[in-house]
Amino acid sequence: MKARILSGVQPTGQLHIGNYLGALKNWAEMQREYESIFCIVDLHAITVYQNPEELRGKILETAALFIAAGIDPEQSSIVVQSSVPGHAELAWLLTCVTPLGWLYRMTQFKARSEKQETIGDGILQYPVLMAADILIYQASIVPVGEDQSQHLELARDIAQRFNSMYGETFVMPATHLPTVGARIMGLDDPTQKMSKSTVGSGHAIALLDDPGIIQKKIARATTDSKPAIDLNDLSPGIANLLTIAQACDSSFTPQAAAGMRYGDFKKRVAEIIIARLEPIRQRYREITADPLYIDRVLEQGREHVLPLAEATICKTKRAMGLYV
């Protein structure tokens, strides 16, 4: 029996090359070895205001990009979080056993509360919902990046606390992070991870960017004042572009870039990225040509995971003494 994995992405902003090289590409490879559930976590997205019409469109776009990036609906379940009521129900049950101090210590909550006078309770409860996402499917492996490792540890703590209070109910998710893809930094600030939430046209390369836009973004990417590449003294910007190029084309090595003038180097990097993303863009166009296809995929994913979620909810309620 295959081990079960669970991971997800918020349907906000634009999925970019960092999401692909750091997560989606890895998921597509992992799905052959594991029972895979990939979630579009729209309940997490609404912890801040989202335009309803735009959010619905982004949910469908994200699902289509999952498939275009290599996730096979016949091998993996692609699920919209809010379409499975058990996510929200389990989050409440877990909230009741989660000490408030644990949530106050979460990095994301502390960062938001320091910047804003008022934040919604959803930001505080966000990690409990994430724990519910993982535990509801009894996932043993959660392929997430280092920036989510604190949330994964909290999911383990909550599962352990619940199990100690009410008996063995949840599978403990893996303590280690599976091998993840390349860590891609922002084009405008190569000291910060590329993010969907960062505002700025020169920050990220979206998976659906056309070749002309990619060329312009790479041409404007932050580097340094040197004229050519010195492998013994790489600036963060040049190192980031090398990482992107290598992750897109393994035959492109740092040695191949040694001594290249920045203009020529950026042109080559842009060509490599365009070649890597074109099949994804083409597959996306094919997928979205049938407006009902994504709906069928999402319903198929929901039907597959619903029995798993309902079984966990019933087990949890029984353990707590609730009426089932």
C-alpha atoms as a PDB file:
ATOM      1  CA  MET A   1       0.000   0.000   0.000  1.00  0.00           C
ATOM      2  CA  LYS A   2       1.372   3.395  -1.014  1.00  0.00           C
ATOM      3  CA  ALA A   3       2.029   6.060   1.598  1.00  0.00           C
ATOM      4  CA  ARG A   4      -0.255   9.083   1.290  1.00  0.00           C
ATOM      5  CA  ILE A   5       1.028  12.612   0.647  1.00  0.00           C
ATOM      6  CA  LEU A   6      -0.788  15.928   0.907  1.00  0.00           C
ATOM      7  CA  SER A   7       0.247  19.386  -0.186  1.00  0.00           C
ATOM      8  CA  GLY A   8      -1.479  22.502  -1.423  1.00  0.00           C
ATOM      9  CA  VAL A   9      -1.367  26.006  -2.854  1.00  0.00           C
ATOM     10  CA  GLN A  10      -3.527  29.070  -2.285  1.00  0.00           C
ATOM     11  CA  PRO A  11      -5.444  30.226  -5.390  1.00  0.00           C
ATOM     12  CA  THR A  12      -4.153  33.782  -5.144  1.00  0.00           C
ATOM     13  CA  GLY A  13      -1.697  35.785  -7.203  1.00  0.00           C
ATOM     14  CA  GLN A  14      -0.003  34.102 -10.144  1.00  0.00           C
ATOM     15  CA  LEU A  15       1.675  30.716  -9.968  1.00  0.00           C
ATOM     16  CA  HIS A  16       5.272  31.404 -10.931  1.00  0.00           C
ATOM     17  CA  ILE A  17       8.440  29.604 -11.871  1.00  0.00           C
ATOM     18  CA  GLY A  18       9.435  29.373  -8.206  1.00  0.00           C
ATOM     19  CA  ASN A  19       6.213  27.463  -7.445  1.00  0.00           C
ATOM     20  CA  TYR A  20       6.925  25.160 -10.363  1.00  0.00           C
ATOM     21  CA  LEU A  21      10.604  24.429  -9.692  1.00  0.00           C
ATOM     22  CA  GLY A  22      10.167  24.366  -5.920  1.00  0.00           C
ATOM     23  CA  ALA A  23       6.918  22.383  -5.682  1.00  0.00           C
ATOM     24  CA  LEU A  24       4.798  21.445  -8.718  1.00  0.00           C
ATOM     25  CA  LYS A  25       7.620  19.740 -10.604  1.00  0.00           C
ATOM     26  CA  ASN A  26       8.454  17.742  -7.491  1.00  0.00           C
ATOM     27  CA  TRP A  27       4.813  16.798  -6.932  1.00  0.00           C
ATOM     28  CA  ALA A  28       4.523  15.514 -10.495  1.00  0.00           C
ATOM     29  CA  GLU A  29       7.484  13.217  -9.875  1.00  0.00           C
ATOM     30  CA  MET A  30       6.272  12.060  -6.451  1.00  0.00           C
ATOM     31  CA  GLN A  31       2.781  11.104  -7.628  1.00  0.00           C
ATOM     32  CA  ARG A  32       4.111   7.899  -9.184  1.00  0.00           C
ATOM     33  CA  GLU A  33       5.348   6.631  -5.820  1.00  0.00           C
ATOM     34  CA  TYR A  34       2.635   7.844  -3.445  1.00  0.00           C
ATOM     35  CA  GLU A  35      -1.113   8.141  -3.118  1.00  0.00           C
ATOM     36  CA  SER A  36      -1.238  11.861  -3.796  1.00  0.00           C
ATOM     37  CA  ILE A  37      -3.731  14.547  -2.800  1.00  0.00           C
ATOM     38  CA  PHE A  38      -3.056  18.080  -3.987  1.00  0.00           C
ATOM     39  CA  CYS A  39      -5.277  20.761  -2.518  1.00  0.00           C
ATOM     40  CA  ILE A  40      -6.282  24.201  -3.733  1.00  0.00           C
ATOM     41  CA  VAL A  41      -6.583  25.797  -0.309  1.00  0.00           C
ATOM     42  CA  ASP A  42      -9.204  28.468  -0.857  1.00  0.00           C
ATOM     43  CA  LEU A  43     -10.236  28.556   2.823  1.00  0.00           C
ATOM     44  CA  HIS A  44      -6.717  29.728   3.642  1.00  0.00           C
ATOM     45  CA  ALA A  45      -6.967  32.384   0.945  1.00  0.00           C
ATOM     46  CA  ILE A  46      -9.963  34.087   2.553  1.00  0.00           C
ATOM     47  CA  THR A  47      -8.090  34.870   5.779  1.00  0.00           C
ATOM     48  CA  VAL A  48      -7.673  38.168   3.926  1.00  0.00           C
ATOM     49  CA  TYR A  49     -10.299  39.699   1.639  1.00  0.00           C
ATOM     50  CA  GLN A  50     -10.535  38.233  -1.849  1.00  0.00           C
ATOM     51  CA  ASN A  51     -12.721  39.522  -4.677  1.00  0.00           C
ATOM     52  CA  PRO A  52     -15.253  36.658  -4.987  1.00  0.00           C
ATOM     53  CA  GLU A  53     -15.341  36.567  -8.777  1.00  0.00           C
ATOM     54  CA  GLU A  54     -11.546  36.711  -9.039  1.00  0.00           C
ATOM     55  CA  LEU A  55     -11.156  33.982  -6.423  1.00  0.00           C
ATOM     56  CA  ARG A  56     -13.451  31.608  -8.303  1.00  0.00           C
ATOM     57  CA  GLY A  57     -11.479  32.232 -11.481  1.00  0.00           C
ATOM     58  CA  LYS A  58      -8.160  31.669  -9.693  1.00  0.00           C
ATOM     59  CA  ILE A  59      -9.359  28.343  -8.296  1.00  0.00           C
ATOM     60  CA  LEU A  60      -9.999  27.063 -11.821  1.00  0.00           C
ATOM     61  CA  GLU A  61      -6.763  28.571 -13.135  1.00  0.00           C
ATOM     62  CA  THR A  62      -4.732  26.931 -10.366  1.00  0.00           C
ATOM     63  CA  ALA A  63      -6.293  23.535 -11.047  1.00  0.00           C
ATOM     64  CA  ALA A  64      -5.527  23.870 -14.759  1.00  0.00           C
ATOM     65  CA  LEU A  65      -1.918  24.830 -14.024  1.00  0.00           C
ATOM     66  CA  PHE A  66      -1.523  21.838 -11.692  1.00  0.00           C
ATOM     67  CA  ILE A  67      -2.398  19.578 -14.616  1.00  0.00           C
ATOM     68  CA  ALA A  68      -0.382  21.571 -17.146  1.00  0.00           C
ATOM     69  CA  ALA A  69       2.655  21.269 -14.854  1.00  0.00           C
ATOM     70  CA  GLY A  70       2.420  17.475 -14.861  1.00  0.00           C
ATOM     71  CA  ILE A  71      -0.015  16.440 -12.144  1.00  0.00           C
ATOM     72  CA  ASP A  72      -2.121  13.640 -13.621  1.00  0.00           C
ATOM     73  CA  PRO A  73      -5.759  13.565 -12.419  1.00  0.00           C
ATOM     74  CA  GLU A  74      -5.777   9.814 -13.071  1.00  0.00           C
ATOM     75  CA  GLN A  75      -2.894   9.340 -10.634  1.00  0.00           C
ATOM     76  CA  SER A  76      -3.553  12.133  -8.141  1.00  0.00           C
ATOM     77  CA  SER A  77      -6.582  13.755  -6.543  1.00  0.00           C
ATOM     78  CA  ILE A  78      -6.843  17.492  -7.203  1.00  0.00           C
ATOM     79  CA  VAL A  79      -9.218  18.905  -4.595  1.00  0.00           C
ATOM     80  CA  VAL A  80     -10.681  22.288  -3.743  1.00  0.00           C
ATOM     81  CA  GLN A  81     -10.421  22.567   0.038  1.00  0.00           C
ATOM     82  CA  SER A  82     -13.826  24.198   0.574  1.00  0.00           C
ATOM     83  CA  SER A  83     -15.606  21.475  -1.430  1.00  0.00           C
ATOM     84  CA  VAL A  84     -14.836  18.992   1.369  1.00  0.00           C
ATOM     85  CA  PRO A  85     -16.709  20.261   4.477  1.00  0.00           C
ATOM     86  CA  GLY A  86     -14.579  18.092   6.756  1.00  0.00           C
ATOM     87  CA  HIS A  87     -11.618  20.497   6.476  1.00  0.00           C
ATOM     88  CA  ALA A  88     -13.475  23.242   8.315  1.00  0.00           C
ATOM     89  CA  GLU A  89     -15.196  20.813  10.711  1.00  0.00           C
ATOM     90  CA  LEU A  90     -11.947  19.136  11.745  1.00  0.00           C
ATOM     91  CA  ALA A  91     -10.283  22.533  12.143  1.00  0.00           C
ATOM     92  CA  TRP A  92     -12.863  23.398  14.837  1.00  0.00           C
ATOM     93  CA  LEU A  93     -12.377  20.075  16.625  1.00  0.00           C
ATOM     94  CA  LEU A  94      -8.603  20.603  16.624  1.00  0.00           C
ATOM     95  CA  THR A  95      -8.963  24.223  17.730  1.00  0.00           C
ATOM     96  CA  CYS A  96     -10.572  22.922  20.912  1.00  0.00           C
ATOM     97  CA  VAL A  97      -7.401  21.012  21.877  1.00  0.00           C
ATOM     98  CA  THR A  98      -4.835  23.584  20.688  1.00  0.00           C
ATOM     99  CA  PRO A  99      -3.334  25.857  23.380  1.00  0.00           C
ATOM    100  CA  LEU A 100      -3.584  29.526  22.480  1.00  0.00           C
ATOM    101  CA  GLY A 101       0.091  30.024  23.321  1.00  0.00           C
ATOM    102  CA  TRP A 102       1.086  27.689  20.498  1.00  0.00           C
ATOM    103  CA  LEU A 103      -0.700  29.912  17.987  1.00  0.00           C
ATOM    104  CA  TYR A 104       0.673  33.166  19.382  1.00  0.00           C
ATOM    105  CA  ARG A 105       4.189  31.825  18.817  1.00  0.00           C
ATOM    106  CA  MET A 106       3.658  31.151  15.113  1.00  0.00           C
ATOM    107  CA  THR A 107       5.946  33.284  12.960  1.00  0.00           C
ATOM    108  CA  GLN A 108       3.263  34.243  10.449  1.00  0.00           C
ATOM    109  CA  PHE A 109       0.885  35.485  13.150  1.00  0.00           C
ATOM    110  CA  LYS A 110       3.608  37.460  14.923  1.00  0.00           C
ATOM    111  CA  ALA A 111       4.736  39.099  11.675  1.00  0.00           C
ATOM    112  CA  ARG A 112       1.198  40.089  10.690  1.00  0.00           C
ATOM    113  CA  SER A 113       0.220  41.334  14.155  1.00  0.00           C
ATOM    114  CA  GLU A 114       3.317  43.538  14.346  1.00  0.00           C
ATOM    115  CA  LYS A 115       2.522  45.189  11.016  1.00  0.00           C
ATOM    116  CA  GLN A 116      -1.243  45.656  11.408  1.00  0.00           C
ATOM    117  CA  GLU A 117      -3.313  47.130  14.232  1.00  0.00           C
ATOM    118  CA  THR A 118      -6.161  44.707  13.565  1.00  0.00           C
ATOM    119  CA  ILE A 119      -6.038  41.283  11.947  1.00  0.00           C
ATOM    120  CA  GLY A 120      -8.760  38.703  11.475  1.00  0.00           C
ATOM    121  CA  ASP A 121      -9.007  35.650  13.696  1.00  0.00           C
ATOM    122  CA  GLY A 122      -8.434  33.577  10.569  1.00  0.00           C
ATOM    123  CA  ILE A 123      -4.748  34.533  10.639  1.00  0.00           C
ATOM    124  CA  LEU A 124      -4.425  33.170  14.168  1.00  0.00           C
ATOM    125  CA  GLN A 125      -6.335  29.976  13.313  1.00  0.00           C
ATOM    126  CA  TYR A 126      -4.611  29.481   9.934  1.00  0.00           C
ATOM    127  CA  PRO A 127      -2.119  26.885  11.290  1.00  0.00           C
ATOM    128  CA  VAL A 128      -4.920  24.820  12.864  1.00  0.00           C
ATOM    129  CA  LEU A 129      -6.729  24.697   9.519  1.00  0.00           C
ATOM    130  CA  MET A 130      -3.466  23.617   7.894  1.00  0.00           C
ATOM    131  CA  ALA A 131      -3.150  20.873  10.491  1.00  0.00           C
ATOM    132  CA  ALA A 132      -6.703  19.793   9.646  1.00  0.00           C
ATOM    133  CA  ASP A 133      -5.797  19.679   5.940  1.00  0.00           C
ATOM    134  CA  ILE A 134      -3.004  17.236   6.723  1.00  0.00           C
ATOM    135  CA  LEU A 135      -4.667  15.137   9.419  1.00  0.00           C
ATOM    136  CA  ILE A 136      -8.053  14.718   7.750  1.00  0.00           C
ATOM    137  CA  TYR A 137      -6.491  12.492   5.077  1.00  0.00           C
ATOM    138  CA  GLN A 138      -4.115  10.783   7.533  1.00  0.00           C
ATOM    139  CA  ALA A 139      -1.216  11.929   5.335  1.00  0.00           C
ATOM    140  CA  SER A 140       2.140  10.490   6.385  1.00  0.00           C
ATOM    141  CA  ILE A 141       4.239  12.764   4.147  1.00  0.00           C
ATOM    142  CA  VAL A 142       3.758  16.476   3.543  1.00  0.00           C
ATOM    143  CA  PRO A 143       6.046  17.906   0.847  1.00  0.00           C
ATOM    144  CA  VAL A 144       6.339  21.550   1.858  1.00  0.00           C
ATOM    145  CA  GLY A 145       9.151  24.073   1.766  1.00  0.00           C
ATOM    146  CA  GLU A 146      11.201  25.250   4.715  1.00  0.00           C
ATOM    147  CA  ASP A 147       8.972  28.297   5.133  1.00  0.00           C
ATOM    148  CA  GLN A 148       6.121  25.961   6.106  1.00  0.00           C
ATOM    149  CA  SER A 149       8.136  23.719   8.421  1.00  0.00           C
ATOM    150  CA  GLN A 150       6.844  25.479  11.565  1.00  0.00           C
ATOM    151  CA  HIS A 151       3.260  24.797  10.483  1.00  0.00           C
ATOM    152  CA  LEU A 152       4.110  21.143   9.862  1.00  0.00           C
ATOM    153  CA  GLU A 153       5.624  20.861  13.319  1.00  0.00           C
ATOM    154  CA  LEU A 154       2.492  22.391  14.814  1.00  0.00           C
ATOM    155  CA  ALA A 155       0.362  19.813  12.956  1.00  0.00           C
ATOM    156  CA  ARG A 156       2.467  17.106  14.581  1.00  0.00           C
ATOM    157  CA  ASP A 157       2.123  18.717  18.005  1.00  0.00           C
ATOM    158  CA  ILE A 158      -1.653  18.967  17.644  1.00  0.00           C
ATOM    159  CA  ALA A 159      -1.926  15.346  16.463  1.00  0.00           C
ATOM    160  CA  GLN A 160       0.235  14.157  19.342  1.00  0.00           C
ATOM    161  CA  ARG A 161      -1.761  16.153  21.898  1.00  0.00           C
ATOM    162  CA  PHE A 162      -5.071  14.861  20.528  1.00  0.00           C
ATOM    163  CA  ASN A 163      -3.834  11.268  20.487  1.00  0.00           C
ATOM    164  CA  SER A 164      -2.625  11.539  24.073  1.00  0.00           C
ATOM    165  CA  MET A 165      -5.943  13.007  25.233  1.00  0.00           C
ATOM    166  CA  TYR A 166      -8.385  10.836  23.291  1.00  0.00           C
ATOM    167  CA  GLY A 167      -6.443   7.822  22.059  1.00  0.00           C
ATOM    168  CA  GLU A 168      -4.713   7.045  18.783  1.00  0.00           C
ATOM    169  CA  THR A 169      -6.722   8.877  16.135  1.00  0.00           C
ATOM    170  CA  PHE A 170      -4.325  10.565  13.724  1.00  0.00           C
ATOM    171  CA  VAL A 171      -1.347   9.404  11.692  1.00  0.00           C
ATOM    172  CA  MET A 172       1.693  11.488  12.616  1.00  0.00           C
ATOM    173  CA  PRO A 173       2.956  13.314   9.512  1.00  0.00           C
ATOM    174  CA  ALA A 174       6.640  12.816   8.708  1.00  0.00           C
ATOM    175  CA  THR A 175       9.081  14.767  10.843  1.00  0.00           C
ATOM    176  CA  HIS A 176      11.397  15.369   7.901  1.00  0.00           C
ATOM    177  CA  LEU A 177      10.770  17.408   4.794  1.00  0.00           C
ATOM    178  CA  PRO A 178      10.964  15.383   1.594  1.00  0.00           C
ATOM    179  CA  THR A 179      13.453  16.485  -1.018  1.00  0.00           C
ATOM    180  CA  VAL A 180      12.149  19.675  -2.540  1.00  0.00           C
ATOM    181  CA  GLY A 181      13.047  21.479  -5.712  1.00  0.00           C
ATOM    182  CA  ALA A 182      15.123  24.566  -6.250  1.00  0.00           C
ATOM    183  CA  ARG A 183      14.676  27.574  -3.958  1.00  0.00           C
ATOM    184  CA  ILE A 184      13.994  30.455  -6.332  1.00  0.00           C
ATOM    185  CA  MET A 185      14.458  34.037  -5.214  1.00  0.00           C
ATOM    186  CA  GLY A 186      12.819  37.224  -6.466  1.00  0.00           C
ATOM    187  CA  LEU A 187      14.212  38.767  -9.651  1.00  0.00           C
ATOM    188  CA  ASP A 188      13.993  42.253  -8.139  1.00  0.00           C
ATOM    189  CA  ASP A 189      15.376  41.222  -4.728  1.00  0.00           C
ATOM    190  CA  PRO A 190      17.439  38.020  -4.877  1.00  0.00           C
ATOM    191  CA  THR A 191      17.730  37.940  -1.083  1.00  0.00           C
ATOM    192  CA  GLN A 192      13.989  37.217  -0.726  1.00  0.00           C
ATOM    193  CA  LYS A 193      12.167  34.077  -1.855  1.00  0.00           C
ATOM    194  CA  MET A 194      10.003  34.548  -4.960  1.00  0.00           C
ATOM    195  CA  SER A 195       6.432  35.020  -3.769  1.00  0.00           C
ATOM    196  CA  LYS A 196       2.947  35.115  -5.306  1.00  0.00           C
ATOM    197  CA  SER A 197       1.944  37.837  -2.874  1.00  0.00           C
ATOM    198  CA  THR A 198       4.746  40.280  -3.702  1.00  0.00           C
ATOM    199  CA  VAL A 199       3.567  43.247  -5.736  1.00  0.00           C
ATOM    200  CA  GLY A 200       5.735  44.295  -8.651  1.00  0.00           C
ATOM    201  CA  SER A 201       5.881  43.349 -12.320  1.00  0.00           C
ATOM    202  CA  GLY A 202       9.587  42.533 -12.151  1.00  0.00           C
ATOM    203  CA  HIS A 203       9.487  40.232  -9.132  1.00  0.00           C
ATOM    204  CA  ALA A 204       8.452  36.862 -10.582  1.00  0.00           C
ATOM    205  CA  ILE A 205       8.061  34.973 -13.837  1.00  0.00           C
ATOM    206  CA  ALA A 206       4.489  33.706 -14.007  1.00  0.00           C
ATOM    207  CA  LEU A 207       3.927  30.316 -15.597  1.00  0.00           C
ATOM    208  CA  LEU A 208       1.612  31.948 -18.126  1.00  0.00           C
ATOM    209  CA  ASP A 209       3.934  34.834 -19.056  1.00  0.00           C
ATOM    210  CA  ASP A 210       4.545  35.030 -22.796  1.00  0.00           C
ATOM    211  CA  PRO A 211       8.139  34.926 -24.152  1.00  0.00           C
ATOM    212  CA  GLY A 212       8.400  38.683 -24.620  1.00  0.00           C
ATOM    213  CA  ILE A 213       7.509  39.376 -21.007  1.00  0.00           C
ATOM    214  CA  ILE A 214       9.963  36.728 -19.778  1.00  0.00           C
ATOM    215  CA  GLN A 215      12.769  38.298 -21.799  1.00  0.00           C
ATOM    216  CA  LYS A 216      12.033  41.745 -20.353  1.00  0.00           C
ATOM    217  CA  LYS A 217      11.867  40.476 -16.770  1.00  0.00           C
ATOM    218  CA  ILE A 218      15.145  38.599 -17.029  1.00  0.00           C
ATOM    219  CA  ALA A 219      16.821  41.564 -18.733  1.00  0.00           C
ATOM    220  CA  ARG A 220      15.802  43.769 -15.799  1.00  0.00           C
ATOM    221  CA  ALA A 221      16.679  41.226 -13.089  1.00  0.00           C
ATOM    222  CA  THR A 222      18.933  42.542 -10.319  1.00  0.00           C
ATOM    223  CA  THR A 223      22.580  41.529 -10.704  1.00  0.00           C
ATOM    224  CA  ASP A 224      25.609  43.705  -9.827  1.00  0.00           C
ATOM    225  CA  SER A 225      28.043  46.131 -11.440  1.00  0.00           C
ATOM    226  CA  LYS A 226      30.470  43.552 -12.833  1.00  0.00           C
ATOM    227  CA  PRO A 227      30.705  43.103 -16.601  1.00  0.00           C
ATOM    228  CA  ALA A 228      30.928  39.299 -16.693  1.00  0.00           C
ATOM    229  CA  ILE A 229      30.333  36.179 -14.595  1.00  0.00           C
ATOM    230  CA  ASP A 230      33.008  35.222 -12.104  1.00  0.00           C
ATOM    231  CA  LEU A 231      32.160  31.839 -10.577  1.00  0.00           C
ATOM    232  CA  ASN A 232      34.425  32.585  -7.622  1.00  0.00           C
ATOM    233  CA  ASP A 233      32.478  35.701  -6.679  1.00  0.00           C
ATOM    234  CA  LEU A 234      28.798  35.335  -7.526  1.00  0.00           C
ATOM    235  CA  SER A 235      26.334  37.994  -6.431  1.00  0.00           C
ATOM    236  CA  PRO A 236      22.929  36.797  -5.136  1.00  0.00           C
ATOM    237  CA  GLY A 237      21.265  37.939  -8.373  1.00  0.00           C
ATOM    238  CA  ILE A 238      23.589  36.014 -10.666  1.00  0.00           C
ATOM    239  CA  ALA A 239      23.485  32.953  -8.410  1.00  0.00           C
ATOM    240  CA  ASN A 240      19.682  33.035  -8.538  1.00  0.00           C
ATOM    241  CA  LEU A 241      19.611  33.205 -12.348  1.00  0.00           C
ATOM    242  CA  LEU A 242      22.076  30.308 -12.496  1.00  0.00           C
ATOM    243  CA  THR A 243      19.838  28.289 -10.173  1.00  0.00           C
ATOM    244  CA  ILE A 244      16.791  28.968 -12.338  1.00  0.00           C
ATOM    245  CA  ALA A 245      18.631  28.075 -15.534  1.00  0.00           C
ATOM    246  CA  GLN A 246      20.035  24.836 -14.101  1.00  0.00           C
ATOM    247  CA  ALA A 247      16.661  23.805 -12.667  1.00  0.00           C
ATOM    248  CA  CYS A 248      15.032  24.384 -16.059  1.00  0.00           C
ATOM    249  CA  ASP A 249      17.817  22.710 -18.068  1.00  0.00           C
ATOM    250  CA  SER A 250      20.189  20.366 -16.248  1.00  0.00           C
ATOM    251  CA  SER A 251      22.647  20.495 -19.148  1.00  0.00           C
ATOM    252  CA  PHE A 252      23.302  24.166 -18.439  1.00  0.00           C
ATOM    253  CA  THR A 253      26.100  24.220 -15.872  1.00  0.00           C
ATOM    254  CA  PRO A 254      27.813  27.111 -14.065  1.00  0.00           C
ATOM    255  CA  GLN A 255      30.946  26.295 -16.028  1.00  0.00           C
ATOM    256  CA  ALA A 256      29.046  26.977 -19.245  1.00  0.00           C
ATOM    257  CA  ALA A 257      28.265  30.462 -17.948  1.00  0.00           C
ATOM    258  CA  ALA A 258      31.792  31.285 -16.737  1.00  0.00           C
ATOM    259  CA  GLY A 259      33.080  34.488 -18.296  1.00  0.00           C
ATOM    260  CA  MET A 260      29.809  35.300 -20.090  1.00  0.00           C
ATOM    261  CA  ARG A 261      28.913  38.960 -20.238  1.00  0.00           C
ATOM    262  CA  TYR A 262      25.732  39.699 -18.335  1.00  0.00           C
ATOM    263  CA  GLY A 263      23.733  40.648 -21.414  1.00  0.00           C
ATOM    264  CA  ASP A 264      24.542  37.372 -23.166  1.00  0.00           C
ATOM    265  CA  PHE A 265      23.997  35.411 -19.972  1.00  0.00           C
ATOM    266  CA  LYS A 266      20.561  36.895 -19.360  1.00  0.00           C
ATOM    267  CA  LYS A 267      19.567  36.271 -22.952  1.00  0.00           C
ATOM    268  CA  ARG A 268      20.547  32.592 -22.575  1.00  0.00           C
ATOM    269  CA  VAL A 269      18.694  32.270 -19.269  1.00  0.00           C
ATOM    270  CA  ALA A 270      15.559  33.747 -20.831  1.00  0.00           C
ATOM    271  CA  GLU A 271      15.788  31.253 -23.736  1.00  0.00           C
ATOM    272  CA  ILE A 272      16.082  28.336 -21.295  1.00  0.00           C
ATOM    273  CA  ILE A 273      13.093  29.498 -19.247  1.00  0.00           C
ATOM    274  CA  ILE A 274      10.940  30.085 -22.323  1.00  0.00           C
ATOM    275  CA  ALA A 275      11.736  26.603 -23.631  1.00  0.00           C
ATOM    276  CA  ARG A 276      10.875  25.039 -20.261  1.00  0.00           C
ATOM    277  CA  LEU A 277       7.596  26.878 -19.767  1.00  0.00           C
ATOM    278  CA  GLU A 278       6.242  26.680 -23.324  1.00  0.00           C
ATOM    279  CA  PRO A 279       4.932  23.080 -22.945  1.00  0.00           C
ATOM    280  CA  ILE A 280       3.133  24.151 -19.754  1.00  0.00           C
ATOM    281  CA  ARG A 281       1.558  27.135 -21.487  1.00  0.00           C
ATOM    282  CA  GLN A 282       0.549  24.957 -24.446  1.00  0.00           C
ATOM    283  CA  ARG A 283      -0.976  22.291 -22.185  1.00  0.00           C
ATOM    284  CA  TYR A 284      -2.821  25.008 -20.251  1.00  0.00           C
ATOM    285  CA  ARG A 285      -4.369  26.302 -23.492  1.00  0.00           C
ATOM    286  CA  GLU A 286      -5.512  22.788 -24.373  1.00  0.00           C
ATOM    287  CA  ILE A 287      -7.008  22.199 -20.918  1.00  0.00           C
ATOM    288  CA  THR A 288      -8.918  25.479 -20.801  1.00  0.00           C
ATOM    289  CA  ALA A 289     -10.303  24.990 -24.318  1.00  0.00           C
ATOM    290  CA  ASP A 290     -12.899  22.717 -22.675  1.00  0.00           C
ATOM    291  CA  PRO A 291     -14.570  24.904 -20.018  1.00  0.00           C
ATOM    292  CA  LEU A 292     -16.106  21.880 -18.248  1.00  0.00           C
ATOM    293  CA  TYR A 293     -12.968  19.743 -18.035  1.00  0.00           C
ATOM    294  CA  ILE A 294     -11.626  21.295 -14.833  1.00  0.00           C
ATOM    295  CA  ASP A 295     -15.028  20.974 -13.155  1.00  0.00           C
ATOM    296  CA  ARG A 296     -14.977  17.250 -13.947  1.00  0.00           C
ATOM    297  CA  VAL A 297     -11.445  16.859 -12.588  1.00  0.00           C
ATOM    298  CA  LEU A 298     -12.293  18.671  -9.356  1.00  0.00           C
ATOM    299  CA  GLU A 299     -15.460  16.640  -8.840  1.00  0.00           C
ATOM    300  CA  GLN A 300     -13.502  13.441  -9.473  1.00  0.00           C
ATOM    301  CA  GLY A 301     -10.928  14.498  -6.883  1.00  0.00           C
ATOM    302  CA  ARG A 302     -13.638  15.395  -4.387  1.00  0.00           C
ATOM    303  CA  GLU A 303     -15.418  12.057  -4.815  1.00  0.00           C
ATOM    304  CA  HIS A 304     -12.158  10.210  -4.215  1.00  0.00           C
ATOM    305  CA  VAL A 305     -11.181  11.988  -0.992  1.00  0.00           C
ATOM    306  CA  LEU A 306     -14.619  12.485   0.546  1.00  0.00           C
ATOM    307  CA  PRO A 307     -14.789   8.968   2.085  1.00  0.00           C
ATOM    308  CA  LEU A 308     -11.319   9.471   3.592  1.00  0.00           C
ATOM    309  CA  ALA A 309     -12.348  12.789   5.122  1.00  0.00           C
ATOM    310  CA  GLU A 310     -15.672  11.496   6.436  1.00  0.00           C
ATOM    311  CA  ALA A 311     -13.991   8.468   8.032  1.00  0.00           C
ATOM    312  CA  THR A 312     -11.548  10.736   9.895  1.00  0.00           C
ATOM    313  CA  ILE A 313     -14.325  13.078  11.055  1.00  0.00           C
ATOM    314  CA  CYS A 314     -16.374  10.155  12.407  1.00  0.00           C
ATOM    315  CA  LYS A 315     -13.324   8.681  14.129  1.00  0.00           C
ATOM    316  CA  THR A 316     -12.452  12.045  15.693  1.00  0.00           C
ATOM    317  CA  LYS A 317     -15.988  12.708  16.914  1.00  0.00           C
ATOM    318  CA  ARG A 318     -16.262   9.243  18.449  1.00  0.00           C
ATOM    319  CA  ALA A 319     -12.934   9.715  20.204  1.00  0.00           C
ATOM    320  CA  MET A 320     -14.178  13.004  21.707  1.00  0.00           C
ATOM    321  CA  GLY A 321     -17.523  11.546  22.762  1.00  0.00           C
ATOM    322  CA  LEU A 322     -19.586  13.531  20.269  1.00  0.00           C
ATOM    323  CA  TYR A 323     -22.788  12.129  18.776  1.00  0.00           C
ATOM    324  CA  VAL A 324     -22.178  10.405  15.451  1.00  0.00           C
END
